[in-house]
């Protein structure tokens, strides 16, 4: 009834800035890590499990204006239940990020400013779908999902790693929430191979909408509650 699994993950992105008009610069970011977990099949239709993941992220601004990195540790629990051709699944996760950021200011010489802080993340996802066998022996599974994620950074201040701290910045603690909705479909097929294992081929296409909360609005709401 037990199943143990592991997987590697990673990604890279580039966001173009506009230095001439708004004063922003290109930023590159990278992330990668490894996740492992185990799940337990309580019945032919019910499965629950847990996972641990570790990794690292890094980012850098063009023109050598700044960079940073964080080490990440994530933990979560998940479960799925099937009833006929339909299914519902859910997951909850939390994470901690040990972060260092560097910024270069070239006004009166070259000053390198540093900030160290720990950020926290909490997320949840629920998904439901229905499997439809096709005449091509493939399975089509339309699904809908909602995912909510909160990311909190503490208050911190920059210190001078080199040069002067006259342009150091200080920030209050902030919490940002992101809500993601998905409507899509998976298509795939499984084959049992002679050695007893299973070969899965699948693809996925979906429409997704992300809405991110205003950190200033979250702080005002916290103040009203206090």
N, C-alpha and C. Protein backbone atom coordinates (compact mmCIF):
# COMPACT_ATOMS: atom_id res chain seq x y z
N UNK A 1 0.80 -1.22 0.00
CA UNK A 1 0.00 0.00 0.00
C UNK A 1 0.84 1.27 0.00
N UNK A 2 2.13 1.15 0.29
CA UNK A 2 3.00 2.32 0.33
C UNK A 2 3.66 2.54 -1.03
N UNK A 3 3.83 3.80 -1.36
CA UNK A 3 4.52 4.17 -2.59
C UNK A 3 5.48 5.31 -2.27
N UNK A 4 6.76 5.16 -2.64
CA UNK A 4 7.77 6.18 -2.40
C UNK A 4 8.19 6.77 -3.73
N UNK A 5 8.37 8.08 -3.80
CA UNK A 5 8.67 8.75 -5.07
C UNK A 5 9.68 9.89 -4.84
N UNK A 6 10.29 10.31 -5.91
CA UNK A 6 11.20 11.46 -5.88
C UNK A 6 11.22 12.12 -7.24
N UNK A 7 11.46 13.42 -7.27
CA UNK A 7 11.49 14.15 -8.53
C UNK A 7 12.35 15.40 -8.39
N UNK A 8 12.99 15.79 -9.47
CA UNK A 8 13.74 17.05 -9.52
C UNK A 8 12.90 18.10 -10.23
N UNK A 9 13.11 19.36 -9.89
CA UNK A 9 12.36 20.44 -10.54
C UNK A 9 13.26 21.65 -10.69
N UNK A 10 12.91 22.53 -11.61
CA UNK A 10 13.71 23.73 -11.82
C UNK A 10 13.10 24.61 -12.88
N UNK A 11 13.60 25.82 -12.96
CA UNK A 11 13.11 26.76 -13.96
C UNK A 11 13.99 28.00 -14.00
N UNK A 12 13.84 28.75 -15.08
CA UNK A 12 14.60 29.99 -15.27
C UNK A 12 13.72 30.99 -15.98
N UNK A 13 13.88 32.27 -15.66
CA UNK A 13 13.06 33.29 -16.31
C UNK A 13 13.85 34.59 -16.46
N UNK A 14 13.41 35.41 -17.38
CA UNK A 14 13.98 36.75 -17.58
C UNK A 14 12.84 37.73 -17.76
N UNK A 15 12.89 38.83 -17.00
CA UNK A 15 11.90 39.90 -17.11
C UNK A 15 12.60 41.14 -17.63
N UNK A 16 12.12 41.65 -18.76
CA UNK A 16 12.74 42.82 -19.37
C UNK A 16 12.33 44.10 -18.65
N UNK A 17 13.29 44.97 -18.41
CA UNK A 17 13.03 46.26 -17.82
C UNK A 17 13.02 47.37 -18.87
N UNK A 18 12.86 48.60 -18.40
CA UNK A 18 12.85 49.78 -19.28
C UNK A 18 13.68 50.86 -18.59
N UNK A 19 14.99 50.80 -18.77
CA UNK A 19 15.88 51.73 -18.08
C UNK A 19 15.72 53.16 -18.56
N UNK A 20 15.35 53.34 -19.84
CA UNK A 20 15.28 54.69 -20.40
C UNK A 20 14.06 55.46 -19.91
N UNK A 21 12.91 54.80 -19.74
CA UNK A 21 11.65 55.51 -19.43
C UNK A 21 11.31 55.45 -17.95
N UNK A 22 11.26 54.25 -17.37
CA UNK A 22 10.82 54.12 -15.98
C UNK A 22 11.96 53.79 -15.02
N UNK A 23 13.17 53.56 -15.54
CA UNK A 23 14.31 53.32 -14.66
C UNK A 23 14.44 51.91 -14.15
N UNK A 24 13.75 50.96 -14.76
CA UNK A 24 13.87 49.56 -14.33
C UNK A 24 14.88 48.83 -15.21
N UNK A 25 15.38 47.71 -14.72
CA UNK A 25 16.40 46.94 -15.43
C UNK A 25 15.96 45.49 -15.59
N UNK A 26 16.60 44.81 -16.53
CA UNK A 26 16.32 43.39 -16.73
C UNK A 26 16.68 42.60 -15.48
N UNK A 27 15.89 41.58 -15.18
CA UNK A 27 16.18 40.72 -14.04
C UNK A 27 16.08 39.26 -14.48
N UNK A 28 17.03 38.47 -14.07
CA UNK A 28 17.03 37.03 -14.33
C UNK A 28 16.86 36.28 -13.02
N UNK A 29 16.11 35.19 -13.06
CA UNK A 29 15.91 34.39 -11.85
C UNK A 29 15.99 32.91 -12.21
N UNK A 30 16.46 32.12 -11.26
CA UNK A 30 16.60 30.67 -11.43
C UNK A 30 16.15 29.97 -10.16
N UNK A 31 15.60 28.79 -10.32
CA UNK A 31 15.17 27.99 -9.17
C UNK A 31 15.36 26.51 -9.51
N UNK A 32 15.70 25.73 -8.51
CA UNK A 32 15.86 24.31 -8.71
C UNK A 32 15.92 23.58 -7.39
N UNK A 33 15.59 22.30 -7.42
CA UNK A 33 15.62 21.52 -6.19
C UNK A 33 15.18 20.09 -6.41
N UNK A 34 14.91 19.41 -5.32
CA UNK A 34 14.52 18.01 -5.35
C UNK A 34 13.43 17.78 -4.31
N UNK A 35 12.43 17.00 -4.68
CA UNK A 35 11.32 16.67 -3.77
C UNK A 35 11.20 15.17 -3.67
N UNK A 36 10.83 14.69 -2.48
CA UNK A 36 10.61 13.27 -2.25
C UNK A 36 9.47 13.11 -1.25
N UNK A 37 8.78 12.01 -1.38
CA UNK A 37 7.65 11.78 -0.48
C UNK A 37 7.21 10.34 -0.50
N UNK A 38 6.19 10.07 0.28
CA UNK A 38 5.60 8.74 0.35
C UNK A 38 4.10 8.89 0.52
N UNK A 39 3.34 8.02 -0.13
CA UNK A 39 1.90 8.04 0.05
C UNK A 39 1.38 6.64 0.38
N UNK A 40 0.23 6.62 1.00
CA UNK A 40 -0.37 5.39 1.51
C UNK A 40 -1.76 5.24 0.92
N UNK A 41 -2.01 4.09 0.31
CA UNK A 41 -3.32 3.83 -0.29
C UNK A 41 -4.23 3.19 0.77
N UNK A 42 -5.13 4.02 1.32
CA UNK A 42 -6.03 3.55 2.37
C UNK A 42 -7.07 2.59 1.83
N UNK A 43 -7.44 2.79 0.54
CA UNK A 43 -8.39 1.92 -0.14
C UNK A 43 -8.09 2.03 -1.63
N UNK A 44 -8.72 1.21 -2.48
CA UNK A 44 -8.47 1.35 -3.92
C UNK A 44 -8.78 2.75 -4.47
N UNK A 45 -9.60 3.53 -3.74
CA UNK A 45 -10.01 4.84 -4.24
C UNK A 45 -9.47 6.00 -3.42
N UNK A 46 -8.73 5.77 -2.35
CA UNK A 46 -8.29 6.83 -1.44
C UNK A 46 -6.80 6.72 -1.20
N UNK A 47 -6.11 7.87 -1.33
CA UNK A 47 -4.67 7.90 -1.11
C UNK A 47 -4.31 9.18 -0.36
N UNK A 48 -3.40 9.08 0.62
CA UNK A 48 -2.89 10.23 1.34
C UNK A 48 -1.37 10.13 1.38
N UNK A 49 -0.69 11.28 1.54
CA UNK A 49 0.76 11.24 1.56
C UNK A 49 1.37 12.51 2.10
N UNK A 50 2.71 12.52 2.17
CA UNK A 50 3.45 13.68 2.64
C UNK A 50 4.70 13.84 1.78
N UNK A 51 5.30 15.03 1.83
CA UNK A 51 6.48 15.28 1.02
C UNK A 51 7.40 16.26 1.73
N UNK A 52 8.68 16.22 1.36
CA UNK A 52 9.70 17.18 1.75
C UNK A 52 10.47 17.59 0.50
N UNK A 53 10.82 18.86 0.43
CA UNK A 53 11.57 19.35 -0.73
C UNK A 53 12.60 20.36 -0.27
N UNK A 54 13.72 20.38 -0.96
CA UNK A 54 14.76 21.36 -0.70
C UNK A 54 15.30 21.89 -2.01
N UNK A 55 15.75 23.14 -1.99
CA UNK A 55 16.26 23.71 -3.21
C UNK A 55 16.87 25.08 -2.98
N UNK A 56 17.09 25.78 -4.06
CA UNK A 56 17.70 27.11 -4.00
C UNK A 56 17.13 27.97 -5.11
N UNK A 57 17.06 29.26 -4.85
CA UNK A 57 16.68 30.24 -5.87
C UNK A 57 17.76 31.31 -5.94
N UNK A 58 17.87 31.96 -7.08
CA UNK A 58 18.82 33.06 -7.24
C UNK A 58 18.27 34.05 -8.26
N UNK A 59 18.69 35.29 -8.16
CA UNK A 59 18.25 36.31 -9.09
C UNK A 59 19.33 37.37 -9.22
N UNK A 60 19.31 38.11 -10.32
CA UNK A 60 20.31 39.15 -10.56
C UNK A 60 19.73 40.23 -11.45
N UNK A 61 20.15 41.47 -11.20
CA UNK A 61 19.76 42.62 -12.02
C UNK A 61 20.84 42.91 -13.05
N UNK A 62 20.42 43.43 -14.20
CA UNK A 62 21.38 43.80 -15.23
C UNK A 62 22.26 44.95 -14.74
N UNK A 63 23.38 45.14 -15.41
CA UNK A 63 24.35 46.20 -15.10
C UNK A 63 24.97 46.02 -13.73
N UNK A 64 24.93 44.80 -13.19
CA UNK A 64 25.54 44.49 -11.90
C UNK A 64 24.99 45.38 -10.78
N UNK A 65 23.66 45.62 -10.79
CA UNK A 65 23.04 46.49 -9.80
C UNK A 65 22.55 45.74 -8.57
N UNK A 66 22.52 44.42 -8.61
CA UNK A 66 22.07 43.69 -7.45
C UNK A 66 21.89 42.22 -7.75
N UNK A 67 21.88 41.41 -6.69
CA UNK A 67 21.65 39.99 -6.83
C UNK A 67 21.26 39.42 -5.47
N UNK A 68 20.84 38.19 -5.48
CA UNK A 68 20.46 37.54 -4.23
C UNK A 68 20.23 36.06 -4.42
N UNK A 69 20.05 35.36 -3.30
CA UNK A 69 19.76 33.94 -3.35
C UNK A 69 19.04 33.55 -2.08
N UNK A 70 18.42 32.38 -2.12
CA UNK A 70 17.77 31.84 -0.93
C UNK A 70 17.84 30.32 -0.98
N UNK A 71 17.98 29.72 0.20
CA UNK A 71 17.87 28.28 0.37
C UNK A 71 16.48 27.97 0.88
N UNK A 72 15.85 26.94 0.32
CA UNK A 72 14.43 26.69 0.54
C UNK A 72 14.22 25.30 1.13
N UNK A 73 13.33 25.21 2.11
CA UNK A 73 12.87 23.93 2.64
C UNK A 73 11.35 23.95 2.67
N UNK A 74 10.73 22.95 2.02
CA UNK A 74 9.27 22.87 1.90
C UNK A 74 8.78 21.55 2.48
N UNK A 75 7.58 21.57 3.03
CA UNK A 75 6.93 20.36 3.53
C UNK A 75 5.44 20.44 3.22
N UNK A 76 4.83 19.29 2.99
CA UNK A 76 3.41 19.31 2.66
C UNK A 76 2.74 17.97 2.85
N UNK A 77 1.42 17.99 2.83
CA UNK A 77 0.59 16.79 2.86
C UNK A 77 -0.42 16.88 1.72
N UNK A 78 -0.87 15.72 1.22
CA UNK A 78 -1.80 15.71 0.10
C UNK A 78 -2.67 14.48 0.17
N UNK A 79 -3.73 14.50 -0.61
CA UNK A 79 -4.64 13.37 -0.65
C UNK A 79 -5.50 13.41 -1.90
N UNK A 80 -6.05 12.26 -2.27
CA UNK A 80 -6.91 12.16 -3.45
C UNK A 80 -7.96 11.08 -3.22
N UNK A 81 -9.15 11.31 -3.77
CA UNK A 81 -10.24 10.35 -3.64
C UNK A 81 -10.94 10.22 -4.99
N UNK A 82 -11.15 8.98 -5.43
CA UNK A 82 -11.82 8.70 -6.70
C UNK A 82 -13.19 8.09 -6.42
N UNK A 83 -14.17 8.54 -7.18
CA UNK A 83 -15.49 7.92 -7.13
C UNK A 83 -15.98 7.77 -8.56
N UNK A 84 -15.87 6.52 -9.05
CA UNK A 84 -16.16 6.26 -10.44
C UNK A 84 -15.09 6.87 -11.33
N UNK A 85 -15.52 7.61 -12.34
CA UNK A 85 -14.59 8.27 -13.25
C UNK A 85 -14.17 9.65 -12.75
N UNK A 86 -14.76 10.12 -11.66
CA UNK A 86 -14.45 11.45 -11.12
C UNK A 86 -13.41 11.34 -10.01
N UNK A 87 -12.77 12.46 -9.70
CA UNK A 87 -11.81 12.49 -8.61
C UNK A 87 -11.79 13.89 -7.99
N UNK A 88 -11.33 13.96 -6.76
CA UNK A 88 -11.05 15.22 -6.09
C UNK A 88 -9.74 15.05 -5.33
N UNK A 89 -8.89 16.06 -5.37
CA UNK A 89 -7.59 15.99 -4.70
C UNK A 89 -7.30 17.32 -4.03
N UNK A 90 -6.44 17.28 -3.04
CA UNK A 90 -6.07 18.50 -2.33
C UNK A 90 -4.67 18.39 -1.75
N UNK A 91 -4.08 19.55 -1.45
CA UNK A 91 -2.74 19.59 -0.88
C UNK A 91 -2.57 20.86 -0.06
N UNK A 92 -1.76 20.77 0.99
CA UNK A 92 -1.39 21.91 1.83
C UNK A 92 0.12 21.87 2.01
N UNK A 93 0.79 23.02 1.88
CA UNK A 93 2.23 23.05 2.01
C UNK A 93 2.68 24.30 2.76
N UNK A 94 3.87 24.24 3.33
CA UNK A 94 4.49 25.40 3.96
C UNK A 94 5.97 25.37 3.65
N UNK A 95 6.60 26.53 3.69
CA UNK A 95 8.01 26.61 3.34
C UNK A 95 8.72 27.72 4.07
N UNK A 96 10.04 27.61 4.14
CA UNK A 96 10.88 28.63 4.74
C UNK A 96 12.02 28.95 3.79
N UNK A 97 12.36 30.24 3.66
CA UNK A 97 13.38 30.70 2.74
C UNK A 97 14.43 31.50 3.54
N UNK A 98 15.68 31.04 3.52
CA UNK A 98 16.78 31.76 4.14
C UNK A 98 17.44 32.61 3.05
N UNK A 99 17.23 33.92 3.13
CA UNK A 99 17.48 34.79 1.99
C UNK A 99 18.56 35.82 2.28
N UNK A 100 19.40 36.08 1.28
CA UNK A 100 20.38 37.17 1.29
C UNK A 100 20.24 37.95 0.00
N UNK A 101 20.24 39.28 0.11
CA UNK A 101 20.09 40.15 -1.07
C UNK A 101 21.17 41.22 -1.03
N UNK A 102 21.72 41.54 -2.19
CA UNK A 102 22.76 42.55 -2.34
C UNK A 102 22.31 43.59 -3.36
N UNK A 103 22.64 44.85 -3.09
CA UNK A 103 22.27 45.94 -3.99
C UNK A 103 23.45 46.89 -4.12
N UNK A 104 23.74 47.32 -5.35
CA UNK A 104 24.85 48.22 -5.62
C UNK A 104 24.31 49.61 -5.94
N UNK A 105 24.80 50.62 -5.24
CA UNK A 105 24.39 52.02 -5.45
C UNK A 105 25.62 52.80 -5.89
N UNK A 106 25.51 53.44 -7.06
CA UNK A 106 26.62 54.24 -7.58
C UNK A 106 26.20 55.70 -7.65
N UNK A 107 26.25 56.37 -6.51
CA UNK A 107 25.95 57.80 -6.44
C UNK A 107 27.20 58.56 -6.01
N UNK A 108 27.69 58.27 -4.81
CA UNK A 108 28.94 58.85 -4.33
C UNK A 108 29.92 57.70 -4.16
N UNK A 109 30.44 57.20 -5.28
CA UNK A 109 31.25 56.00 -5.25
C UNK A 109 30.38 54.77 -5.45
N UNK A 110 30.90 53.60 -5.12
CA UNK A 110 30.16 52.34 -5.26
C UNK A 110 29.92 51.75 -3.88
N UNK A 111 28.66 51.69 -3.48
CA UNK A 111 28.27 51.12 -2.19
C UNK A 111 27.54 49.81 -2.42
N UNK A 112 27.93 48.78 -1.68
CA UNK A 112 27.25 47.48 -1.74
C UNK A 112 26.47 47.30 -0.45
N UNK A 113 25.16 47.17 -0.58
CA UNK A 113 24.26 47.06 0.56
C UNK A 113 23.70 45.65 0.64
N UNK A 114 23.59 45.13 1.86
CA UNK A 114 23.17 43.74 2.06
C UNK A 114 22.01 43.67 3.03
N UNK A 115 21.10 42.71 2.79
CA UNK A 115 20.00 42.43 3.72
C UNK A 115 19.84 40.92 3.82
N UNK A 116 19.69 40.42 5.05
CA UNK A 116 19.46 39.00 5.31
C UNK A 116 18.14 38.85 6.06
N UNK A 117 17.31 37.92 5.61
CA UNK A 117 16.02 37.72 6.26
C UNK A 117 15.50 36.34 5.93
N UNK A 118 14.52 35.88 6.72
CA UNK A 118 13.84 34.61 6.49
C UNK A 118 12.40 34.89 6.09
N UNK A 119 11.99 34.35 4.95
CA UNK A 119 10.62 34.51 4.47
C UNK A 119 9.86 33.19 4.65
N UNK A 120 8.52 33.29 4.70
CA UNK A 120 7.69 32.12 4.94
C UNK A 120 6.58 32.05 3.90
N UNK A 121 6.20 30.82 3.59
CA UNK A 121 5.20 30.58 2.55
C UNK A 121 4.20 29.53 3.03
N UNK A 122 2.92 29.76 2.74
CA UNK A 122 1.87 28.80 3.07
C UNK A 122 0.91 28.72 1.89
N UNK A 123 0.59 27.50 1.44
CA UNK A 123 -0.26 27.36 0.27
C UNK A 123 -1.21 26.18 0.38
N UNK A 124 -2.26 26.21 -0.42
CA UNK A 124 -3.24 25.12 -0.47
C UNK A 124 -3.82 25.06 -1.87
N UNK A 125 -4.21 23.85 -2.29
CA UNK A 125 -4.78 23.64 -3.62
C UNK A 125 -5.84 22.55 -3.55
N UNK A 126 -6.95 22.76 -4.26
CA UNK A 126 -7.98 21.74 -4.40
C UNK A 126 -8.32 21.61 -5.88
N UNK A 127 -8.51 20.37 -6.32
CA UNK A 127 -8.73 20.11 -7.75
C UNK A 127 -9.74 18.99 -7.90
N UNK A 128 -10.57 19.09 -8.93
CA UNK A 128 -11.53 18.06 -9.26
C UNK A 128 -11.61 17.85 -10.76
N UNK A 129 -11.85 16.61 -11.19
CA UNK A 129 -11.91 16.32 -12.62
C UNK A 129 -12.71 15.06 -12.90
N UNK A 130 -12.87 14.77 -14.19
CA UNK A 130 -13.66 13.61 -14.62
C UNK A 130 -12.98 12.97 -15.83
N UNK A 131 -12.68 11.68 -15.75
CA UNK A 131 -11.98 10.96 -16.81
C UNK A 131 -12.96 10.45 -17.85
N UNK A 132 -12.65 10.74 -19.13
CA UNK A 132 -13.49 10.34 -20.26
C UNK A 132 -12.66 9.47 -21.21
N UNK A 133 -12.94 8.18 -21.32
CA UNK A 133 -12.21 7.34 -22.28
C UNK A 133 -12.54 7.75 -23.73
N UNK A 134 -11.53 7.81 -24.58
CA UNK A 134 -11.71 8.18 -25.98
C UNK A 134 -11.58 6.94 -26.85
N UNK A 135 -12.10 7.05 -28.07
CA UNK A 135 -12.06 5.91 -28.98
C UNK A 135 -10.64 5.57 -29.41
N UNK A 136 -9.69 6.52 -29.22
CA UNK A 136 -8.29 6.26 -29.57
C UNK A 136 -7.55 5.52 -28.47
N UNK A 137 -8.25 5.06 -27.45
CA UNK A 137 -7.67 4.37 -26.29
C UNK A 137 -6.95 5.32 -25.35
N UNK A 138 -7.05 6.63 -25.61
CA UNK A 138 -6.52 7.63 -24.70
C UNK A 138 -7.60 8.04 -23.71
N UNK A 139 -7.17 8.61 -22.59
CA UNK A 139 -8.10 9.13 -21.58
C UNK A 139 -8.02 10.65 -21.57
N UNK A 140 -9.17 11.32 -21.69
CA UNK A 140 -9.26 12.77 -21.59
C UNK A 140 -9.87 13.11 -20.24
N UNK A 141 -9.21 14.02 -19.49
CA UNK A 141 -9.66 14.35 -18.15
C UNK A 141 -9.79 15.87 -18.00
N UNK A 142 -10.97 16.44 -18.25
CA UNK A 142 -11.17 17.86 -17.92
C UNK A 142 -11.11 18.06 -16.41
N UNK A 143 -10.58 19.21 -15.97
CA UNK A 143 -10.45 19.45 -14.54
C UNK A 143 -10.57 20.94 -14.24
N UNK A 144 -10.85 21.27 -13.00
CA UNK A 144 -10.86 22.63 -12.49
C UNK A 144 -10.11 22.65 -11.16
N UNK A 145 -9.39 23.74 -10.88
CA UNK A 145 -8.59 23.81 -9.66
C UNK A 145 -8.54 25.24 -9.15
N UNK A 146 -8.39 25.36 -7.83
CA UNK A 146 -8.17 26.65 -7.16
C UNK A 146 -6.97 26.49 -6.24
N UNK A 147 -6.07 27.46 -6.32
CA UNK A 147 -4.85 27.42 -5.51
C UNK A 147 -4.67 28.77 -4.81
N UNK A 148 -4.40 28.75 -3.52
CA UNK A 148 -4.20 29.96 -2.73
C UNK A 148 -2.82 29.88 -2.08
N UNK A 149 -2.07 30.98 -2.14
CA UNK A 149 -0.73 31.00 -1.58
C UNK A 149 -0.48 32.33 -0.88
N UNK A 150 0.11 32.27 0.30
CA UNK A 150 0.49 33.47 1.03
C UNK A 150 2.00 33.48 1.26
N UNK A 151 2.63 34.63 1.03
CA UNK A 151 4.08 34.76 1.16
C UNK A 151 4.37 35.94 2.07
N UNK A 152 5.12 35.71 3.15
CA UNK A 152 5.38 36.76 4.13
C UNK A 152 6.88 37.02 4.26
N UNK A 153 7.26 38.29 4.19
CA UNK A 153 8.63 38.70 4.45
C UNK A 153 8.64 39.56 5.71
N UNK A 154 9.63 39.40 6.58
CA UNK A 154 9.68 40.18 7.81
C UNK A 154 10.25 41.58 7.55
N UNK A 155 10.20 42.43 8.56
CA UNK A 155 10.85 43.72 8.45
C UNK A 155 12.37 43.51 8.48
N UNK A 156 13.08 44.32 7.71
CA UNK A 156 14.53 44.18 7.67
C UNK A 156 15.15 45.49 7.20
N UNK A 157 16.43 45.63 7.43
CA UNK A 157 17.15 46.81 6.98
C UNK A 157 18.47 46.42 6.35
N UNK A 158 18.90 47.21 5.38
CA UNK A 158 20.16 46.96 4.70
C UNK A 158 21.34 47.48 5.52
N UNK A 159 22.45 46.80 5.42
CA UNK A 159 23.71 47.23 6.01
C UNK A 159 24.76 47.31 4.91
N UNK A 160 25.82 48.02 5.17
CA UNK A 160 26.86 48.20 4.16
C UNK A 160 27.83 47.03 4.18
N UNK A 161 27.86 46.28 3.08
CA UNK A 161 28.86 45.23 2.93
C UNK A 161 30.16 45.81 2.39
N UNK A 162 30.07 46.93 1.68
CA UNK A 162 31.23 47.66 1.19
C UNK A 162 30.81 49.10 0.95
N UNK A 163 31.66 50.06 1.33
CA UNK A 163 31.34 51.46 1.14
C UNK A 163 30.47 52.00 2.27
N UNK A 164 29.59 52.95 1.92
CA UNK A 164 28.77 53.64 2.91
C UNK A 164 27.35 53.09 2.96
N UNK A 165 26.68 53.26 4.12
CA UNK A 165 25.29 52.83 4.28
C UNK A 165 24.32 54.00 4.18
N UNK A 166 24.73 55.14 3.60
CA UNK A 166 23.87 56.31 3.56
C UNK A 166 22.63 56.12 2.69
N UNK A 167 22.65 55.17 1.74
CA UNK A 167 21.49 54.90 0.89
C UNK A 167 20.83 53.57 1.24
N UNK A 168 21.06 53.07 2.44
CA UNK A 168 20.46 51.80 2.85
C UNK A 168 18.95 51.97 3.00
N UNK A 169 18.21 50.93 2.67
CA UNK A 169 16.75 50.93 2.75
C UNK A 169 16.27 50.09 3.92
N UNK A 170 15.10 50.44 4.46
CA UNK A 170 14.45 49.69 5.52
C UNK A 170 13.01 49.43 5.12
N UNK A 171 12.54 48.19 5.32
CA UNK A 171 11.19 47.81 4.92
C UNK A 171 10.42 47.21 6.08
N UNK A 172 9.10 47.48 6.11
CA UNK A 172 8.22 46.84 7.07
C UNK A 172 7.93 45.41 6.63
N UNK A 173 7.42 44.61 7.54
CA UNK A 173 6.98 43.26 7.20
C UNK A 173 5.81 43.33 6.21
N UNK A 174 5.76 42.39 5.30
CA UNK A 174 4.70 42.38 4.29
C UNK A 174 4.20 40.96 4.05
N UNK A 175 2.91 40.87 3.74
CA UNK A 175 2.29 39.60 3.38
C UNK A 175 1.56 39.78 2.05
N UNK A 176 1.85 38.92 1.10
CA UNK A 176 1.21 38.96 -0.22
C UNK A 176 0.46 37.65 -0.43
N UNK A 177 -0.76 37.74 -0.90
CA UNK A 177 -1.54 36.54 -1.22
C UNK A 177 -1.76 36.45 -2.73
N UNK A 178 -1.75 35.23 -3.23
CA UNK A 178 -1.97 34.98 -4.65
C UNK A 178 -3.02 33.88 -4.79
N UNK A 179 -4.03 34.14 -5.62
CA UNK A 179 -5.08 33.16 -5.89
C UNK A 179 -5.00 32.78 -7.36
N UNK A 180 -4.90 31.48 -7.62
CA UNK A 180 -4.79 30.98 -8.99
C UNK A 180 -5.96 30.04 -9.28
N UNK A 181 -6.66 30.29 -10.38
CA UNK A 181 -7.72 29.40 -10.84
C UNK A 181 -7.31 28.79 -12.18
N UNK A 182 -7.66 27.52 -12.37
CA UNK A 182 -7.30 26.79 -13.59
C UNK A 182 -8.51 26.05 -14.14
N UNK A 183 -8.66 26.09 -15.44
CA UNK A 183 -9.60 25.25 -16.18
C UNK A 183 -8.83 24.60 -17.31
N UNK A 184 -8.80 23.29 -17.34
CA UNK A 184 -7.99 22.65 -18.36
C UNK A 184 -8.34 21.20 -18.55
N UNK A 185 -7.44 20.48 -19.20
CA UNK A 185 -7.67 19.08 -19.49
C UNK A 185 -6.33 18.36 -19.63
N UNK A 186 -6.33 17.11 -19.21
CA UNK A 186 -5.19 16.23 -19.40
C UNK A 186 -5.57 15.13 -20.39
N UNK A 187 -4.56 14.64 -21.10
CA UNK A 187 -4.79 13.53 -22.00
C UNK A 187 -3.60 12.59 -21.88
N UNK A 188 -3.85 11.30 -21.85
CA UNK A 188 -2.74 10.37 -21.68
C UNK A 188 -3.19 8.93 -21.73
N UNK A 189 -2.21 8.05 -21.57
CA UNK A 189 -2.46 6.61 -21.58
C UNK A 189 -1.36 5.93 -20.79
N UNK A 190 -1.70 4.80 -20.14
CA UNK A 190 -0.75 3.99 -19.38
C UNK A 190 -0.61 2.61 -20.00
N UNK A 191 0.62 2.11 -20.02
CA UNK A 191 0.90 0.77 -20.51
C UNK A 191 1.64 -0.02 -19.43
N UNK A 192 1.28 -1.28 -19.26
CA UNK A 192 2.03 -2.19 -18.39
C UNK A 192 3.12 -2.86 -19.22
N UNK A 193 4.36 -2.70 -18.80
CA UNK A 193 5.49 -3.25 -19.54
C UNK A 193 5.88 -4.59 -18.92
N UNK A 194 6.64 -5.43 -19.66
CA UNK A 194 6.90 -6.81 -19.20
C UNK A 194 7.57 -6.93 -17.84
N UNK A 195 8.37 -5.94 -17.40
CA UNK A 195 9.05 -6.08 -16.12
C UNK A 195 8.16 -5.74 -14.94
N UNK A 196 6.89 -5.45 -15.18
CA UNK A 196 5.95 -5.18 -14.10
C UNK A 196 5.75 -3.72 -13.80
N UNK A 197 6.52 -2.82 -14.40
CA UNK A 197 6.34 -1.40 -14.18
C UNK A 197 5.30 -0.84 -15.14
N UNK A 198 5.00 0.45 -14.99
CA UNK A 198 3.97 1.11 -15.79
C UNK A 198 4.59 2.30 -16.51
N UNK A 199 4.31 2.43 -17.81
CA UNK A 199 4.76 3.56 -18.61
C UNK A 199 3.58 4.51 -18.83
N UNK A 200 3.73 5.76 -18.42
CA UNK A 200 2.70 6.78 -18.56
C UNK A 200 3.14 7.82 -19.57
N UNK A 201 2.31 8.10 -20.54
CA UNK A 201 2.49 9.22 -21.46
C UNK A 201 1.30 10.16 -21.30
N UNK A 202 1.56 11.45 -21.09
CA UNK A 202 0.45 12.37 -20.85
C UNK A 202 0.84 13.78 -21.27
N UNK A 203 -0.17 14.60 -21.46
CA UNK A 203 -0.01 16.01 -21.76
C UNK A 203 -1.09 16.80 -21.05
N UNK A 204 -0.90 18.10 -20.95
CA UNK A 204 -1.83 18.95 -20.21
C UNK A 204 -1.90 20.32 -20.86
N UNK A 205 -3.10 20.87 -20.97
CA UNK A 205 -3.32 22.24 -21.45
C UNK A 205 -4.37 22.87 -20.55
N UNK A 206 -4.16 24.14 -20.19
CA UNK A 206 -5.08 24.79 -19.26
C UNK A 206 -5.05 26.29 -19.45
N UNK A 207 -6.17 26.92 -19.08
CA UNK A 207 -6.25 28.37 -18.92
C UNK A 207 -6.09 28.67 -17.44
N UNK A 208 -5.21 29.60 -17.10
CA UNK A 208 -4.94 29.91 -15.70
C UNK A 208 -5.02 31.42 -15.50
N UNK A 209 -5.56 31.81 -14.35
CA UNK A 209 -5.67 33.23 -13.98
C UNK A 209 -5.07 33.41 -12.60
N UNK A 210 -4.11 34.34 -12.48
CA UNK A 210 -3.46 34.64 -11.21
C UNK A 210 -3.86 36.04 -10.76
N UNK A 211 -4.27 36.16 -9.51
CA UNK A 211 -4.60 37.45 -8.92
C UNK A 211 -3.78 37.61 -7.65
N UNK A 212 -2.98 38.67 -7.58
CA UNK A 212 -2.08 38.90 -6.46
C UNK A 212 -2.56 40.08 -5.66
N UNK A 213 -2.66 39.91 -4.34
CA UNK A 213 -3.15 40.96 -3.46
C UNK A 213 -2.14 42.09 -3.30
N UNK A 214 -2.63 43.27 -2.93
CA UNK A 214 -1.80 44.44 -2.69
C UNK A 214 -1.21 44.35 -1.29
N UNK A 215 0.13 44.31 -1.13
CA UNK A 215 0.72 44.21 0.21
C UNK A 215 0.30 45.35 1.12
N UNK A 216 0.15 46.57 0.59
CA UNK A 216 -0.25 47.70 1.43
C UNK A 216 -1.65 47.50 1.96
N UNK A 217 -2.55 46.93 1.16
CA UNK A 217 -3.91 46.68 1.61
C UNK A 217 -3.92 45.62 2.70
N UNK A 218 -3.05 44.60 2.59
CA UNK A 218 -2.97 43.57 3.62
C UNK A 218 -2.52 44.18 4.94
N UNK A 219 -1.53 45.07 4.91
CA UNK A 219 -1.05 45.69 6.15
C UNK A 219 -2.14 46.53 6.80
N UNK A 220 -2.93 47.27 6.00
CA UNK A 220 -4.01 48.07 6.56
C UNK A 220 -5.05 47.17 7.22
N UNK A 221 -5.34 46.04 6.60
CA UNK A 221 -6.32 45.12 7.19
C UNK A 221 -5.79 44.56 8.51
N UNK A 222 -4.49 44.23 8.58
CA UNK A 222 -3.92 43.75 9.82
C UNK A 222 -4.01 44.81 10.91
N UNK A 223 -3.76 46.07 10.55
CA UNK A 223 -3.83 47.13 11.54
C UNK A 223 -5.25 47.30 12.06
N UNK A 224 -6.26 47.17 11.18
CA UNK A 224 -7.64 47.29 11.62
C UNK A 224 -7.99 46.18 12.59
N UNK A 225 -7.49 44.96 12.35
CA UNK A 225 -7.78 43.85 13.25
C UNK A 225 -7.14 44.06 14.61
N UNK A 226 -5.96 44.65 14.66
CA UNK A 226 -5.30 44.89 15.93
C UNK A 226 -6.01 46.00 16.70
